[in-house]
Amino acid sequence: MTCSCCLCANPALDALVEVPGGLLGRRHDEVFPPEQAQAHRLHDLAVARNAGPQVVTEQHTTPDGVLRTYSSTTFPLRDADGRVTGVAGVITEVSGGVAGSVTAG
């Protein structure tokens, strides 16, 4: 896995990050601030290396400067021979709900 660029995004994610021309073909460093981009890239590489799904809490700064919190379930994509060819993810916004779930546990 060398590209680490967005190959597919739903309209909600595309609208959230407001990248001119959309997300397709963009790398993390073209979309997020440097520290967030680096964290996302390292997470993708870890998922690809470990060849298994991971659930993490991530933060993204929206174009209007709001810091939002997301639960991200990321998993490897494989070709017909079982080789990891990419990473996909399902992201759910949990802003405002994270503190309650952490202190309740």
C-alpha atoms as a PDB file:
ATOM      1  CA  MET A   1       0.000   0.000   0.000  1.00  0.00           C
ATOM      2  CA  THR A   2       1.846   3.051  -1.220  1.00  0.00           C
ATOM      3  CA  CYS A   3      -0.656   5.668  -2.406  1.00  0.00           C
ATOM      4  CA  SER A   4      -2.735   6.329   0.716  1.00  0.00           C
ATOM      5  CA  CYS A   5      -5.158   8.429  -1.279  1.00  0.00           C
ATOM      6  CA  CYS A   6      -8.927   8.572  -1.149  1.00  0.00           C
ATOM      7  CA  LEU A   7     -10.543   6.345  -3.769  1.00  0.00           C
ATOM      8  CA  CYS A   8     -14.128   6.625  -2.562  1.00  0.00           C
ATOM      9  CA  ALA A   9     -16.055   8.959  -0.244  1.00  0.00           C
ATOM     10  CA  ASN A  10     -19.725   9.445   0.422  1.00  0.00           C
ATOM     11  CA  PRO A  11     -21.274  12.901  -0.110  1.00  0.00           C
ATOM     12  CA  ALA A  12     -21.448  13.570   3.665  1.00  0.00           C
ATOM     13  CA  LEU A  13     -17.679  13.184   4.109  1.00  0.00           C
ATOM     14  CA  ASP A  14     -16.992  15.162   0.961  1.00  0.00           C
ATOM     15  CA  ALA A  15     -19.170  18.013   2.266  1.00  0.00           C
ATOM     16  CA  LEU A  16     -17.646  17.865   5.755  1.00  0.00           C
ATOM     17  CA  VAL A  17     -14.066  18.486   4.675  1.00  0.00           C
ATOM     18  CA  GLU A  18     -14.941  20.919   1.857  1.00  0.00           C
ATOM     19  CA  VAL A  19     -11.934  20.204  -0.351  1.00  0.00           C
ATOM     20  CA  PRO A  20     -12.130  22.046  -3.685  1.00  0.00           C
ATOM     21  CA  GLY A  21     -12.692  19.408  -6.348  1.00  0.00           C
ATOM     22  CA  GLY A  22     -13.624  16.748  -3.778  1.00  0.00           C
ATOM     23  CA  LEU A  23     -11.688  14.095  -1.883  1.00  0.00           C
ATOM     24  CA  LEU A  24     -11.084  11.580  -4.634  1.00  0.00           C
ATOM     25  CA  GLY A  25      -7.386  11.128  -5.298  1.00  0.00           C
ATOM     26  CA  ARG A  26      -6.376  13.298  -2.322  1.00  0.00           C
ATOM     27  CA  ARG A  27      -3.882  12.264   0.350  1.00  0.00           C
ATOM     28  CA  HIS A  28      -4.361  12.929   4.077  1.00  0.00           C
ATOM     29  CA  ASP A  29      -1.821  15.777   3.937  1.00  0.00           C
ATOM     30  CA  GLU A  30      -3.909  17.514   1.261  1.00  0.00           C
ATOM     31  CA  VAL A  31      -7.020  17.453   3.439  1.00  0.00           C
ATOM     32  CA  PHE A  32      -6.043  17.711   7.114  1.00  0.00           C
ATOM     33  CA  PRO A  33      -3.625  19.777   9.221  1.00  0.00           C
ATOM     34  CA  PRO A  34      -0.150  18.168   9.392  1.00  0.00           C
ATOM     35  CA  GLU A  35      -0.501  16.519  12.815  1.00  0.00           C
ATOM     36  CA  GLN A  36      -3.915  15.033  11.971  1.00  0.00           C
ATOM     37  CA  ALA A  37      -2.736  13.894   8.527  1.00  0.00           C
ATOM     38  CA  GLN A  38       0.281  12.122  10.037  1.00  0.00           C
ATOM     39  CA  ALA A  39      -1.872  10.360  12.638  1.00  0.00           C
ATOM     40  CA  HIS A  40      -4.299   9.138   9.951  1.00  0.00           C
ATOM     41  CA  ARG A  41      -1.475   7.927   7.712  1.00  0.00           C
ATOM     42  CA  LEU A  42       0.185   5.992  10.556  1.00  0.00           C
ATOM     43  CA  HIS A  43      -3.156   4.444  11.493  1.00  0.00           C
ATOM     44  CA  ASP A  44      -3.764   3.293   7.900  1.00  0.00           C
ATOM     45  CA  LEU A  45      -0.296   1.759   7.743  1.00  0.00           C
ATOM     46  CA  ALA A  46      -0.848  -0.072  11.050  1.00  0.00           C
ATOM     47  CA  VAL A  47      -4.146  -1.520   9.789  1.00  0.00           C
ATOM     48  CA  ALA A  48      -2.464  -2.655   6.555  1.00  0.00           C
ATOM     49  CA  ARG A  49       0.486  -4.216   8.424  1.00  0.00           C
ATOM     50  CA  ASN A  50      -1.621  -5.951  11.072  1.00  0.00           C
ATOM     51  CA  ALA A  51      -4.112  -7.072   8.396  1.00  0.00           C
ATOM     52  CA  GLY A  52      -7.003  -6.687  10.787  1.00  0.00           C
ATOM     53  CA  PRO A  53      -9.671  -4.163  11.702  1.00  0.00           C
ATOM     54  CA  GLN A  54      -9.081  -1.455  14.302  1.00  0.00           C
ATOM     55  CA  VAL A  55     -11.409   0.946  16.054  1.00  0.00           C
ATOM     56  CA  VAL A  56      -9.981   4.287  17.137  1.00  0.00           C
ATOM     57  CA  THR A  57     -11.227   7.692  18.197  1.00  0.00           C
ATOM     58  CA  GLU A  58     -10.000  10.462  15.904  1.00  0.00           C
ATOM     59  CA  GLN A  59     -10.388  14.191  15.767  1.00  0.00           C
ATOM     60  CA  HIS A  60     -10.846  16.332  12.673  1.00  0.00           C
ATOM     61  CA  THR A  61     -10.951  20.086  12.379  1.00  0.00           C
ATOM     62  CA  THR A  62     -13.743  21.205  10.058  1.00  0.00           C
ATOM     63  CA  PRO A  63     -13.134  24.001   7.557  1.00  0.00           C
ATOM     64  CA  ASP A  64     -14.939  26.417   9.910  1.00  0.00           C
ATOM     65  CA  GLY A  65     -12.469  25.548  12.711  1.00  0.00           C
ATOM     66  CA  VAL A  66     -14.662  23.232  14.805  1.00  0.00           C
ATOM     67  CA  LEU A  67     -12.847  20.240  16.309  1.00  0.00           C
ATOM     68  CA  ARG A  68     -15.073  17.153  16.010  1.00  0.00           C
ATOM     69  CA  THR A  69     -14.573  13.665  17.406  1.00  0.00           C
ATOM     70  CA  TYR A  70     -15.194  10.490  15.413  1.00  0.00           C
ATOM     71  CA  SER A  71     -15.151   6.756  16.011  1.00  0.00           C
ATOM     72  CA  SER A  72     -13.365   5.182  13.061  1.00  0.00           C
ATOM     73  CA  THR A  73     -13.522   1.475  12.257  1.00  0.00           C
ATOM     74  CA  THR A  74     -10.809   0.796   9.717  1.00  0.00           C
ATOM     75  CA  PHE A  75     -10.081  -2.498   7.969  1.00  0.00           C
ATOM     76  CA  PRO A  76      -7.803  -3.819   5.225  1.00  0.00           C
ATOM     77  CA  LEU A  77      -9.007  -4.450   1.669  1.00  0.00           C
ATOM     78  CA  ARG A  78      -7.575  -7.531  -0.029  1.00  0.00           C
ATOM     79  CA  ASP A  79      -7.150  -8.758  -3.584  1.00  0.00           C
ATOM     80  CA  ALA A  80      -8.136 -12.252  -4.781  1.00  0.00           C
ATOM     81  CA  ASP A  81      -4.846 -13.653  -3.438  1.00  0.00           C
ATOM     82  CA  GLY A  82      -5.391 -12.218   0.035  1.00  0.00           C
ATOM     83  CA  ARG A  83      -2.808  -9.431  -0.253  1.00  0.00           C
ATOM     84  CA  VAL A  84      -3.683  -6.126   1.410  1.00  0.00           C
ATOM     85  CA  THR A  85      -4.224  -3.568  -1.343  1.00  0.00           C
ATOM     86  CA  GLY A  86      -5.810  -0.752   0.635  1.00  0.00           C
ATOM     87  CA  VAL A  87      -7.612   0.362   3.758  1.00  0.00           C
ATOM     88  CA  ALA A  88     -11.287   1.272   4.110  1.00  0.00           C
ATOM     89  CA  GLY A  89     -13.143   2.813   7.007  1.00  0.00           C
ATOM     90  CA  VAL A  90     -16.516   3.555   8.488  1.00  0.00           C
ATOM     91  CA  ILE A  91     -16.561   6.802  10.439  1.00  0.00           C
ATOM     92  CA  THR A  92     -19.237   7.915  12.911  1.00  0.00           C
ATOM     93  CA  GLU A  93     -19.296  11.322  14.572  1.00  0.00           C
ATOM     94  CA  VAL A  94     -19.385  11.012  18.358  1.00  0.00           C
ATOM     95  CA  SER A  95     -18.690  14.642  19.334  1.00  0.00           C
ATOM     96  CA  GLY A  96     -20.252  15.344  22.690  1.00  0.00           C
ATOM     97  CA  GLY A  97     -20.879  11.665  23.390  1.00  0.00           C
ATOM     98  CA  VAL A  98     -17.318  10.510  23.994  1.00  0.00           C
ATOM     99  CA  ALA A  99     -16.889  12.034  27.460  1.00  0.00           C
ATOM    100  CA  GLY A 100     -20.144  10.475  28.684  1.00  0.00           C
ATOM    101  CA  SER A 101     -19.259   7.014  27.415  1.00  0.00           C
ATOM    102  CA  VAL A 102     -15.746   7.163  28.850  1.00  0.00           C
ATOM    103  CA  THR A 103     -16.760   8.294  32.339  1.00  0.00           C
ATOM    104  CA  ALA A 104     -19.680   5.849  32.490  1.00  0.00           C
ATOM    105  CA  GLY A 105     -17.360   2.867  31.875  1.00  0.00           C
END
